Amino acid sequence: YEGSEEIDAPYYPHDVPKEGSRKIPFSREIYIERDDFMENPPKGYFRLTPDQPVRLRHAYIITCKEVVKDADGNIVEIIAEYHPDSKSGSDTSGIKVKSAIQWVDAKEARKVEVRLYDRLFKDEAPEGLEDINPDSLKVIKNALIEPAVITEKPDERFQFERQGYFYADPIDYTDEKPVFNKIVGLKDSWAKKTKTAEAAAKPQAKKVQIDGEVVAMSKEEQALFDTYTSELGLNGEVANTLARDAQLSSFYEATLSVLNSPVSLANIVSNEVARELKHTQASELKFNASQITELVKMVDNGTISSKIAKQVFEEMVKSGENPTQIVEDKGLVQISDPSKILPIIEEIIAKNPDNVTKFKAGNTKLLGFFVGQVLKATGGKANPKVVNELVTEKLK
């Protein structure tokens, strides 16, 4: 996407009988909620993923094309494609999406201070200072918000979608430093505590929440889930995906019998292998559990990157060839030699003087941009950790 535009969006939800609209700036760089993207989503996750497009609320449909990570494996940037014929209200793209996510324009979003107020006391009948709720006030500095919220009326009230109702602080609010106070939450903290206490008093089968719907596990599934989370260290989402699918859990157990790398194996089985098993039976796959462990070994020992591993996996799906052979035949071994990476870094730095200036001025998030450009230039073969270290050194 090049250029910029203003998206027309209603001020009020459809169930409020009021009229009015505001303009939302839209350009090639936006921010989304971190919770609205998952690289390895559980079943029933309907927001943005590498395989699932989503609508930007009131705007266009986007598709994730690339995920950029820092040296620690944290996602710092998503490179996405927007579909120009999918604009909300005049969509002719034919693309089906299951949800819309919030966003703000990176250039035009305003930084504000948000104060999240909750109950002053932890209990309904407090007896002393020890009952004061330490979380009764949380202050978020530099929260990002669309420009239409900035108001000349200090006591203006707003609903921040998915967050609650807020109003502009009548004392501390200024044009240079807008301040918003939460006055009504979307969830009742007392109700949550009451329900938790009632649940503890009445033993019942554990349940897992999938996109808002609570579904109970069978005893066998729950036993697997508990083992995966408590003994193998898997996160709840991955453990849920594996425990609820007999084919997946069986395949995963087979990989564990070959290689003791439970988290790495779980990630590829719950994501890539799970995708293939949606259309076929495990017995019909061209690859087996042993080959998956071989692939994971190559990532764990640094022979290939996780991005290259996905390419190798796609070839395994088609041909059933061993991953080591695929890597050798296609020349996919990870590049870790600084002498081969530095010239690429220097070229990218030379082509992006504006971003270099911004980085040196304090915008350290641009480190992810430079690392991503190097990985892109090498077809994902450069070692991300080495690239991160070299880029950091070069930008000093």
Protein backbone atom coordinates (compact mmCIF):
# COMPACT_ATOMS: atom_id res chain seq x y z
CA TYR A 1 0.00 0.00 0.00
CA GLU A 2 1.33 3.43 -0.94
CA GLY A 3 -0.02 6.83 0.01
CA SER A 4 -2.68 7.52 2.62
CA GLU A 5 -6.42 8.05 2.96
CA GLU A 6 -9.13 8.67 5.51
CA ILE A 7 -11.60 5.92 6.38
CA ASP A 8 -15.11 7.08 7.25
CA ALA A 9 -16.39 5.27 10.37
CA PRO A 10 -19.49 5.76 12.53
CA TYR A 11 -19.15 7.35 15.95
CA TYR A 12 -21.75 5.05 17.46
CA PRO A 13 -22.39 1.28 17.35
CA HIS A 14 -25.36 0.06 15.34
CA ASP A 15 -27.54 -0.40 18.43
CA VAL A 16 -27.27 3.27 19.47
CA PRO A 17 -29.86 5.47 17.71
CA LYS A 18 -27.48 8.36 17.05
CA GLU A 19 -25.80 9.62 13.91
CA GLY A 20 -22.34 10.95 13.22
CA SER A 21 -19.03 9.73 11.84
CA ARG A 22 -15.33 10.37 12.19
CA LYS A 23 -12.32 10.07 9.88
CA ILE A 24 -9.69 7.42 10.62
CA PRO A 25 -6.28 7.96 8.96
CA PHE A 26 -4.97 4.93 7.06
CA SER A 27 -1.51 4.44 5.54
CA ARG A 28 1.04 1.68 4.97
CA GLU A 29 2.11 1.34 8.62
CA ILE A 30 -0.38 0.53 11.37
CA TYR A 31 -0.40 -0.84 14.90
CA ILE A 32 -2.65 -3.70 16.02
CA GLU A 33 -3.22 -5.32 19.41
CA ARG A 34 -0.61 -8.01 20.11
CA ASP A 35 -3.42 -10.41 21.08
CA ASP A 36 -4.95 -10.03 17.61
CA PHE A 37 -2.15 -12.02 15.93
CA MET A 38 -0.94 -15.55 16.62
CA GLU A 39 1.70 -17.42 14.64
CA ASN A 40 0.58 -20.81 15.98
CA PRO A 41 -3.11 -20.39 16.79
CA PRO A 42 -5.33 -22.93 18.53
CA LYS A 43 -8.44 -24.28 16.87
CA GLY A 44 -11.20 -21.68 16.92
CA TYR A 45 -8.92 -18.61 16.79
CA PHE A 46 -10.48 -16.26 14.23
CA ARG A 47 -8.13 -13.29 14.23
CA LEU A 48 -4.99 -12.70 12.12
CA THR A 49 -2.63 -15.65 11.53
CA PRO A 50 -0.12 -16.56 8.79
CA ASP A 51 -2.86 -18.63 7.13
CA GLN A 52 -5.95 -16.58 7.94
CA PRO A 53 -6.85 -13.09 6.64
CA VAL A 54 -8.77 -10.64 8.79
CA ARG A 55 -10.54 -7.33 8.34
CA LEU A 56 -9.18 -4.13 9.81
CA ARG A 57 -12.27 -2.68 11.47
CA HIS A 58 -14.05 -0.21 9.12
CA ALA A 59 -11.23 -0.64 6.57
CA TYR A 60 -9.64 -3.33 4.39
CA ILE A 61 -8.94 -7.04 4.60
CA ILE A 62 -5.27 -7.89 5.12
CA THR A 63 -3.29 -11.12 4.72
CA CYS A 64 -0.09 -11.84 6.66
CA LYS A 65 2.83 -12.45 4.28
CA GLU A 66 5.81 -12.46 6.63
CA VAL A 67 6.60 -12.41 10.35
CA VAL A 68 9.68 -10.50 11.54
CA LYS A 69 11.26 -11.51 14.86
CA ASP A 70 14.09 -10.22 17.00
CA ALA A 71 17.05 -12.34 18.12
CA ASP A 72 15.04 -13.72 21.04
CA GLY A 73 12.27 -14.95 18.77
CA ASN A 74 9.78 -12.24 19.73
CA ILE A 75 7.52 -10.97 16.95
CA VAL A 76 8.29 -7.30 16.28
CA GLU A 77 6.66 -6.75 12.90
CA ILE A 78 4.11 -8.29 10.55
CA ILE A 79 4.40 -7.64 6.84
CA ALA A 80 0.94 -7.89 5.33
CA GLU A 81 -0.81 -7.48 1.99
CA TYR A 82 -3.94 -5.35 1.81
CA HIS A 83 -6.71 -6.14 -0.66
CA PRO A 84 -7.78 -2.87 -2.35
CA ASP A 85 -11.18 -4.19 -3.43
CA SER A 86 -12.11 -5.26 0.12
CA LYS A 87 -12.90 -1.87 1.67
CA SER A 88 -15.63 -2.08 4.28
CA GLY A 89 -18.98 -1.04 2.82
CA SER A 90 -17.93 -1.67 -0.78
CA ASP A 91 -16.21 -5.07 -0.60
CA THR A 92 -16.09 -6.94 -3.93
CA SER A 93 -13.06 -9.13 -3.10
CA GLY A 94 -15.00 -12.30 -2.31
CA ILE A 95 -12.55 -13.00 0.54
CA LYS A 96 -14.23 -14.58 3.56
CA VAL A 97 -13.09 -13.46 7.02
CA LYS A 98 -14.38 -14.43 10.44
CA SER A 99 -13.51 -11.34 12.45
CA ALA A 100 -12.39 -7.71 12.42
CA ILE A 101 -9.59 -6.30 14.57
CA GLN A 102 -8.80 -2.86 15.99
CA TRP A 103 -5.92 -0.80 14.60
CA VAL A 104 -4.46 2.71 14.50
CA ASP A 105 -2.34 4.46 11.90
CA ALA A 106 1.31 4.51 12.97
CA LYS A 107 1.94 8.07 11.77
CA GLU A 108 -1.28 9.74 12.88
CA ALA A 109 -2.06 7.90 16.13
CA ARG A 110 -1.90 10.11 19.21
CA LYS A 111 -0.07 9.17 22.40
CA VAL A 112 -2.25 9.46 25.48
CA GLU A 113 -2.16 8.55 29.15
CA VAL A 114 -4.82 6.06 30.19
CA ARG A 115 -5.78 5.49 33.83
CA LEU A 116 -7.48 2.19 34.58
CA TYR A 117 -9.43 2.41 37.84
CA ASP A 118 -10.75 -0.65 39.65
CA ARG A 119 -12.21 -1.39 43.10
CA LEU A 120 -10.28 0.31 45.91
CA PHE A 121 -10.54 -2.75 48.15
CA LYS A 122 -9.97 -6.45 47.48
CA ASP A 123 -12.98 -7.47 49.57
CA GLU A 124 -16.55 -6.25 49.77
CA ALA A 125 -16.19 -5.75 53.54
CA PRO A 126 -12.64 -4.42 54.09
CA GLU A 127 -11.21 -4.34 57.61
CA GLY A 128 -7.98 -2.41 57.17
CA LEU A 129 -5.19 -1.20 54.94
CA GLU A 130 -4.22 -4.77 54.12
CA ASP A 131 -7.46 -5.04 52.14
CA ILE A 132 -6.56 -2.23 49.74
CA ASN A 133 -6.43 -3.48 46.17
CA PRO A 134 -2.87 -2.86 44.84
CA ASP A 135 -4.28 -2.95 41.31
CA SER A 136 -6.96 -0.33 41.94
CA LEU A 137 -5.10 2.03 39.60
CA LYS A 138 -2.95 1.17 36.61
CA VAL A 139 -1.51 3.98 34.51
CA ILE A 140 -0.58 3.29 30.89
CA LYS A 141 1.79 5.87 29.45
CA ASN A 142 2.00 6.46 25.70
CA ALA A 143 -1.05 4.41 24.77
CA LEU A 144 -1.94 4.91 21.10
CA ILE A 145 -5.34 6.12 19.98
CA GLU A 146 -6.96 7.46 16.81
CA PRO A 147 -6.96 11.29 16.40
CA ALA A 148 -10.77 11.60 16.49
CA VAL A 149 -10.72 10.92 20.23
CA ILE A 150 -8.72 14.06 20.95
CA THR A 151 -11.34 16.54 22.09
CA GLU A 152 -11.76 20.17 23.09
CA LYS A 153 -14.34 19.15 25.71
CA PRO A 154 -12.45 18.03 28.86
CA ASP A 155 -15.37 16.00 30.19
CA GLU A 156 -16.18 14.19 26.92
CA ARG A 157 -17.03 10.50 27.32
CA PHE A 158 -16.01 7.68 24.98
CA GLN A 159 -16.34 3.94 24.65
CA PHE A 160 -12.99 2.39 23.77
CA GLU A 161 -13.99 -0.82 22.02
CA ARG A 162 -13.10 -4.02 23.88
CA GLN A 163 -11.83 -1.93 26.84
CA GLY A 164 -14.63 0.02 28.51
CA TYR A 165 -15.97 3.55 28.93
CA PHE A 166 -13.58 6.47 29.46
CA TYR A 167 -13.73 10.22 29.86
CA ALA A 168 -11.21 12.98 29.32
CA ASP A 169 -9.85 14.03 32.70
CA PRO A 170 -11.28 17.52 33.44
CA ILE A 171 -8.16 18.59 35.35
CA ASP A 172 -5.11 16.89 33.86
CA TYR A 173 -6.17 16.74 30.19
CA THR A 174 -4.17 19.03 27.87
CA ASP A 175 -3.60 19.12 24.11
CA GLU A 176 0.04 18.16 24.67
CA LYS A 177 -0.81 15.40 27.14
CA PRO A 178 -4.33 13.95 26.75
CA VAL A 179 -5.46 11.92 29.77
CA PHE A 180 -8.40 9.50 29.82
CA ASN A 181 -9.89 7.81 32.90
CA LYS A 182 -11.79 4.54 32.82
CA ILE A 183 -15.20 5.02 34.40
CA VAL A 184 -17.00 1.78 33.47
CA GLY A 185 -15.31 -1.55 32.73
CA LEU A 186 -16.63 -4.22 30.42
CA LYS A 187 -16.13 -6.87 33.10
CA ASP A 188 -17.23 -6.82 36.73
CA SER A 189 -14.18 -7.72 38.83
CA TRP A 190 -16.37 -8.69 41.83
CA ALA A 191 -18.51 -10.97 39.67
CA LYS A 192 -15.37 -12.71 38.43
CA LYS A 193 -14.17 -13.30 42.00
CA THR A 194 -17.57 -14.58 43.09
CA LYS A 195 -17.75 -17.05 40.23
CA THR A 196 -14.20 -18.22 40.94
CA ALA A 197 -15.03 -18.84 44.60
CA GLU A 198 -18.19 -20.75 43.69
CA ALA A 199 -16.29 -22.87 41.20
CA ALA A 200 -13.66 -23.71 43.82
CA ALA A 201 -16.36 -24.82 46.24
CA LYS A 202 -17.90 -27.19 43.68
CA PRO A 203 -15.34 -29.57 42.10
CA GLN A 204 -16.00 -29.97 38.38
CA ALA A 205 -14.28 -31.07 35.20
CA LYS A 206 -11.83 -28.55 33.84
CA LYS A 207 -12.90 -26.70 30.72
CA VAL A 208 -11.06 -24.89 27.97
CA GLN A 209 -12.25 -21.67 26.39
CA ILE A 210 -12.13 -21.55 22.60
CA ASP A 211 -12.88 -18.12 21.13
CA GLY A 212 -15.41 -17.37 23.82
CA GLU A 213 -17.08 -20.78 23.94
CA VAL A 214 -16.35 -22.98 26.95
CA VAL A 215 -16.03 -26.64 25.98
CA ALA A 216 -15.30 -29.43 28.47
CA MET A 217 -12.53 -31.95 27.78
CA SER A 218 -12.93 -35.67 28.23
CA LYS A 219 -10.97 -37.26 31.10
CA GLU A 220 -8.41 -38.63 28.64
CA GLU A 221 -7.95 -35.26 26.94
CA GLN A 222 -7.66 -33.49 30.27
CA ALA A 223 -4.98 -35.94 31.41
CA LEU A 224 -2.97 -35.24 28.26
CA PHE A 225 -3.47 -31.49 28.64
CA ASP A 226 -2.21 -31.60 32.24
CA THR A 227 0.83 -33.67 31.26
CA TYR A 228 1.71 -31.40 28.36
CA THR A 229 1.47 -28.22 30.41
CA SER A 230 2.86 -29.30 33.80
CA GLU A 231 5.49 -31.85 32.77
CA LEU A 232 6.52 -30.82 29.24
CA GLY A 233 6.18 -27.06 29.64
CA LEU A 234 3.82 -26.44 26.70
CA ASN A 235 1.63 -23.35 26.74
CA GLY A 236 -2.11 -23.83 27.12
CA GLU A 237 -2.99 -23.08 23.50
CA VAL A 238 -0.58 -25.63 22.02
CA ALA A 239 -1.43 -28.24 24.67
CA ASN A 240 -5.14 -27.75 23.98
CA THR A 241 -4.65 -28.29 20.24
CA LEU A 242 -2.70 -31.50 20.77
CA ALA A 243 -4.79 -32.98 23.59
CA ARG A 244 -8.09 -32.59 21.76
CA ASP A 245 -6.98 -34.37 18.58
CA ALA A 246 -6.16 -38.09 18.85
CA GLN A 247 -4.17 -38.14 15.58
CA LEU A 248 -2.11 -35.12 16.58
CA SER A 249 -1.37 -36.32 20.10
CA SER A 250 -0.36 -39.75 18.76
CA PHE A 251 1.96 -38.16 16.19
CA TYR A 252 3.43 -35.87 18.85
CA GLU A 253 4.07 -38.77 21.22
CA ALA A 254 5.89 -40.56 18.39
CA THR A 255 8.22 -37.59 17.87
CA LEU A 256 8.94 -37.40 21.61
CA SER A 257 10.10 -41.01 21.59
CA VAL A 258 12.87 -39.99 19.16
CA LEU A 259 13.87 -36.50 20.33
CA ASN A 260 13.66 -34.83 23.75
CA SER A 261 12.65 -31.36 22.55
CA PRO A 262 9.00 -31.15 23.64
CA VAL A 263 8.34 -27.46 22.99
CA SER A 264 9.95 -27.29 19.54
CA LEU A 265 8.25 -30.52 18.47
CA ALA A 266 4.89 -29.37 19.83
CA ASN A 267 5.05 -26.12 17.88
CA ILE A 268 5.55 -27.79 14.50
CA VAL A 269 3.10 -30.62 15.18
CA SER A 270 0.33 -28.30 16.43
CA ASN A 271 0.80 -25.96 13.49
CA GLU A 272 2.25 -27.42 10.27
CA VAL A 273 1.40 -31.09 10.87
CA ALA A 274 -2.07 -30.16 12.15
CA ARG A 275 -2.75 -28.24 8.95
CA GLU A 276 -1.97 -31.31 6.84
CA LEU A 277 -4.08 -33.61 9.00
CA LYS A 278 -7.14 -31.46 8.34
CA HIS A 279 -7.32 -33.01 4.88
CA THR A 280 -5.94 -36.52 5.35
CA GLN A 281 -5.15 -39.32 7.79
CA ALA A 282 -1.76 -39.67 9.49
CA SER A 283 -1.17 -42.97 7.67
CA GLU A 284 -1.46 -41.17 4.32
CA LEU A 285 1.14 -38.48 5.04
CA LYS A 286 4.30 -38.67 2.91
CA PHE A 287 6.47 -37.80 5.91
CA ASN A 288 6.69 -39.48 9.32
CA ALA A 289 7.43 -38.56 12.93
CA SER A 290 11.12 -39.41 12.59
CA GLN A 291 11.52 -36.93 9.73
CA ILE A 292 9.84 -34.21 11.78
CA THR A 293 12.32 -34.77 14.61
CA GLU A 294 15.16 -34.56 12.06
CA LEU A 295 13.80 -31.21 10.89
CA VAL A 296 13.48 -29.87 14.44
CA LYS A 297 17.05 -30.98 15.23
CA MET A 298 18.31 -28.89 12.31
CA VAL A 299 16.55 -25.82 13.67
CA ASP A 300 17.67 -26.43 17.26
CA ASN A 301 21.34 -26.83 16.28
CA GLY A 302 21.31 -23.78 14.00
CA THR A 303 21.74 -25.57 10.67
CA ILE A 304 18.61 -23.85 9.32
CA SER A 305 16.34 -21.06 10.54
CA SER A 306 12.73 -21.56 11.56
CA LYS A 307 11.65 -19.74 8.40
CA ILE A 308 13.66 -22.10 6.18
CA ALA A 309 12.23 -25.03 8.16
CA LYS A 310 8.79 -24.10 6.86
CA GLN A 311 10.06 -24.26 3.28
CA VAL A 312 11.65 -27.63 3.95
CA PHE A 313 8.43 -28.88 5.51
CA GLU A 314 6.43 -27.90 2.42
CA GLU A 315 8.81 -29.96 0.30
CA MET A 316 8.47 -32.90 2.71
CA VAL A 317 4.70 -32.70 2.29
CA LYS A 318 5.04 -32.94 -1.49
CA SER A 319 7.87 -35.44 -1.87
CA GLY A 320 8.39 -37.25 1.44
CA GLU A 321 12.14 -36.54 1.09
CA ASN A 322 14.27 -36.41 4.23
CA PRO A 323 14.82 -32.82 5.45
CA THR A 324 18.62 -33.14 5.50
CA GLN A 325 18.60 -34.12 1.83
CA ILE A 326 16.25 -31.26 0.93
CA VAL A 327 18.50 -28.72 2.67
CA GLU A 328 21.58 -30.05 0.87
CA ASP A 329 19.91 -30.21 -2.55
CA LYS A 330 18.48 -26.68 -2.32
CA GLY A 331 21.41 -25.04 -0.54
CA LEU A 332 19.33 -23.89 2.41
CA VAL A 333 21.97 -24.08 5.16
CA GLN A 334 21.74 -21.07 7.49
CA ILE A 335 24.29 -18.28 6.92
CA SER A 336 26.10 -17.40 10.15
CA ASP A 337 29.38 -16.08 8.74
CA PRO A 338 29.59 -12.31 9.51
CA SER A 339 31.76 -11.70 6.44
CA LYS A 340 28.87 -12.81 4.23
CA ILE A 341 26.18 -10.95 6.16
CA LEU A 342 27.91 -7.59 6.73
CA PRO A 343 27.93 -6.45 3.07
CA ILE A 344 24.17 -7.01 2.92
CA ILE A 345 23.65 -5.02 6.13
CA GLU A 346 25.77 -2.15 4.84
CA GLU A 347 23.80 -2.02 1.59
CA ILE A 348 20.44 -1.94 3.41
CA ILE A 349 21.64 0.77 5.81
CA ALA A 350 22.84 2.85 2.85
CA LYS A 351 19.41 2.55 1.18
CA ASN A 352 17.49 3.63 4.28
CA PRO A 353 19.13 6.82 5.65
CA ASP A 354 15.84 8.17 7.07
CA ASN A 355 15.28 5.08 9.19
CA VAL A 356 18.91 5.17 10.33
CA THR A 357 18.39 8.74 11.53
CA LYS A 358 15.16 7.79 13.33
CA PHE A 359 16.85 4.80 14.99
CA LYS A 360 19.73 6.91 16.27
CA ALA A 361 17.21 9.47 17.52
CA GLY A 362 15.70 6.83 19.79
CA ASN A 363 13.24 4.82 17.69
CA THR A 364 14.82 1.48 18.60
CA LYS A 365 11.84 -0.46 17.24
CA LEU A 366 13.35 0.10 13.78
CA LEU A 367 15.95 -2.53 14.64
CA GLY A 368 13.30 -5.07 13.66
CA PHE A 369 12.93 -3.35 10.29
CA PHE A 370 16.64 -3.65 9.46
CA VAL A 371 16.85 -7.25 10.69
CA GLY A 372 13.79 -8.12 8.63
CA GLN A 373 15.26 -6.54 5.50
CA VAL A 374 18.46 -8.57 5.88
CA LEU A 375 16.53 -11.80 6.36
CA LYS A 376 14.41 -10.96 3.32
CA ALA A 377 17.50 -10.24 1.20
CA THR A 378 18.99 -13.63 2.11
CA GLY A 379 15.78 -15.53 1.53
CA GLY A 380 15.52 -16.20 5.24
CA LYS A 381 18.86 -18.02 5.34
CA ALA A 382 20.75 -15.53 7.51
CA ASN A 383 21.03 -16.43 11.20
CA PRO A 384 18.61 -13.99 12.94
CA LYS A 385 20.70 -13.82 16.11
CA VAL A 386 23.89 -13.00 14.20
CA VAL A 387 22.04 -10.47 12.06
CA ASN A 388 20.61 -8.77 15.14
CA GLU A 389 24.04 -8.44 16.74
CA LEU A 390 25.69 -7.13 13.55
CA VAL A 391 22.91 -4.64 12.77
CA THR A 392 22.98 -3.32 16.34
CA GLU A 393 26.74 -2.82 16.11
CA LYS A 394 26.51 -1.09 12.72
CA LEU A 395 23.81 1.33 13.84
CA LYS A 396 25.69 2.55 16.92
